[in-house]
Protein backbone atom coordinates (compact mmCIF):
# COMPACT_ATOMS: atom_id res chain seq x y z
CA UNK A 1 -3.98 8.47 -12.78
CA UNK A 2 -6.28 8.31 -16.00
CA UNK A 3 -8.95 6.15 -15.85
CA UNK A 4 -8.98 2.67 -16.50
CA UNK A 5 -5.61 2.47 -14.43
CA UNK A 6 -7.28 0.45 -11.89
CA UNK A 7 -9.26 -2.95 -12.60
CA UNK A 8 -11.06 -3.50 -9.42
CA UNK A 9 -15.13 -4.39 -8.85
CA UNK A 10 -15.18 -3.54 -5.12
CA UNK A 11 -12.99 -0.10 -4.79
CA UNK A 12 -14.72 0.90 -1.55
CA UNK A 13 -13.68 -2.57 0.56
CA UNK A 14 -9.71 -2.67 -1.22
CA UNK A 15 -10.01 0.78 0.22
CA UNK A 16 -10.92 -0.17 3.64
CA UNK A 17 -8.87 -3.10 3.88
CA UNK A 18 -5.89 -0.49 2.74
CA UNK A 19 -6.72 1.93 5.11
CA UNK A 20 -6.95 -0.14 7.62
CA UNK A 21 -4.14 -2.37 7.22
CA UNK A 22 -1.57 0.87 6.34
CA UNK A 23 -2.97 2.42 9.79
CA UNK A 24 -1.25 -0.44 12.14
CA UNK A 25 1.53 -1.75 10.43
CA UNK A 26 2.91 2.08 9.65
CA UNK A 27 1.66 3.62 13.14
CA UNK A 28 5.32 3.31 14.95
CA UNK A 29 2.89 3.65 18.77
CA UNK A 30 1.17 0.22 17.84
CA UNK A 31 4.21 -1.96 15.92
CA UNK A 32 7.24 -0.13 16.98
CA UNK A 33 10.55 -1.19 14.08
CA UNK A 34 13.20 -0.46 12.90
CA UNK A 35 13.99 1.04 9.20
CA UNK A 36 14.64 -2.25 7.50
CA UNK A 37 11.35 -3.37 9.11
CA UNK A 38 9.93 -0.08 8.24
CA UNK A 39 10.44 -0.87 4.65
CA UNK A 40 9.39 -4.40 4.21
CA UNK A 41 6.16 -3.84 5.63
CA UNK A 42 5.82 -0.25 3.31
CA UNK A 43 6.47 -2.87 -0.19
CA UNK A 44 3.86 -4.99 1.05
CA UNK A 45 1.91 -2.12 1.90
CA UNK A 46 2.38 -1.05 -2.07
CA UNK A 47 2.10 -5.09 -3.02
CA UNK A 48 -1.27 -5.14 -1.97
CA UNK A 49 -2.47 -1.70 -2.62
CA UNK A 50 -1.68 -2.94 -6.76
CA UNK A 51 -3.31 -6.31 -5.65
CA UNK A 52 -6.38 -5.19 -4.42
CA UNK A 53 -6.71 -2.56 -6.69
CA UNK A 54 -5.49 -4.24 -10.66
CA UNK A 55 -2.84 -2.03 -10.97
CA UNK A 56 -0.26 -3.00 -12.85
CA UNK A 57 2.60 -4.93 -10.61
CA UNK A 58 5.41 -1.80 -10.13
CA UNK A 59 3.12 0.99 -10.99
CA UNK A 60 2.89 2.32 -7.71
CA UNK A 61 6.81 1.45 -7.10
CA UNK A 62 7.54 5.51 -7.02
CA UNK A 63 5.53 5.77 -3.18
CA UNK A 64 8.80 4.09 -1.89
CA UNK A 65 10.51 7.05 -2.78
CA UNK A 66 8.21 9.11 -1.66
CA UNK A 67 9.29 9.14 1.93
CA UNK A 68 12.70 8.15 1.29
C-alpha cells in the first residue's frame, strides 16, 4: 500500500470494528454457513473496509481472490 491510499480520520476505530466484525462473521463456530453465504459476508467485509478506511470502491476486491 502506498501512503495516502486510505483517507479515514479514525483509523484505529475503523480497524477495531473491522476486526471485530470479521471475527464474528467468518467464524464457523459462531455462525455456521454455506459457501454462498460465506462469499457474501466476505464481499460485505471488503465493502465495509473500503468504506470505513476511505479507499476507492473496488480497490480491495483482490482480497476475494486470496481465499479462492
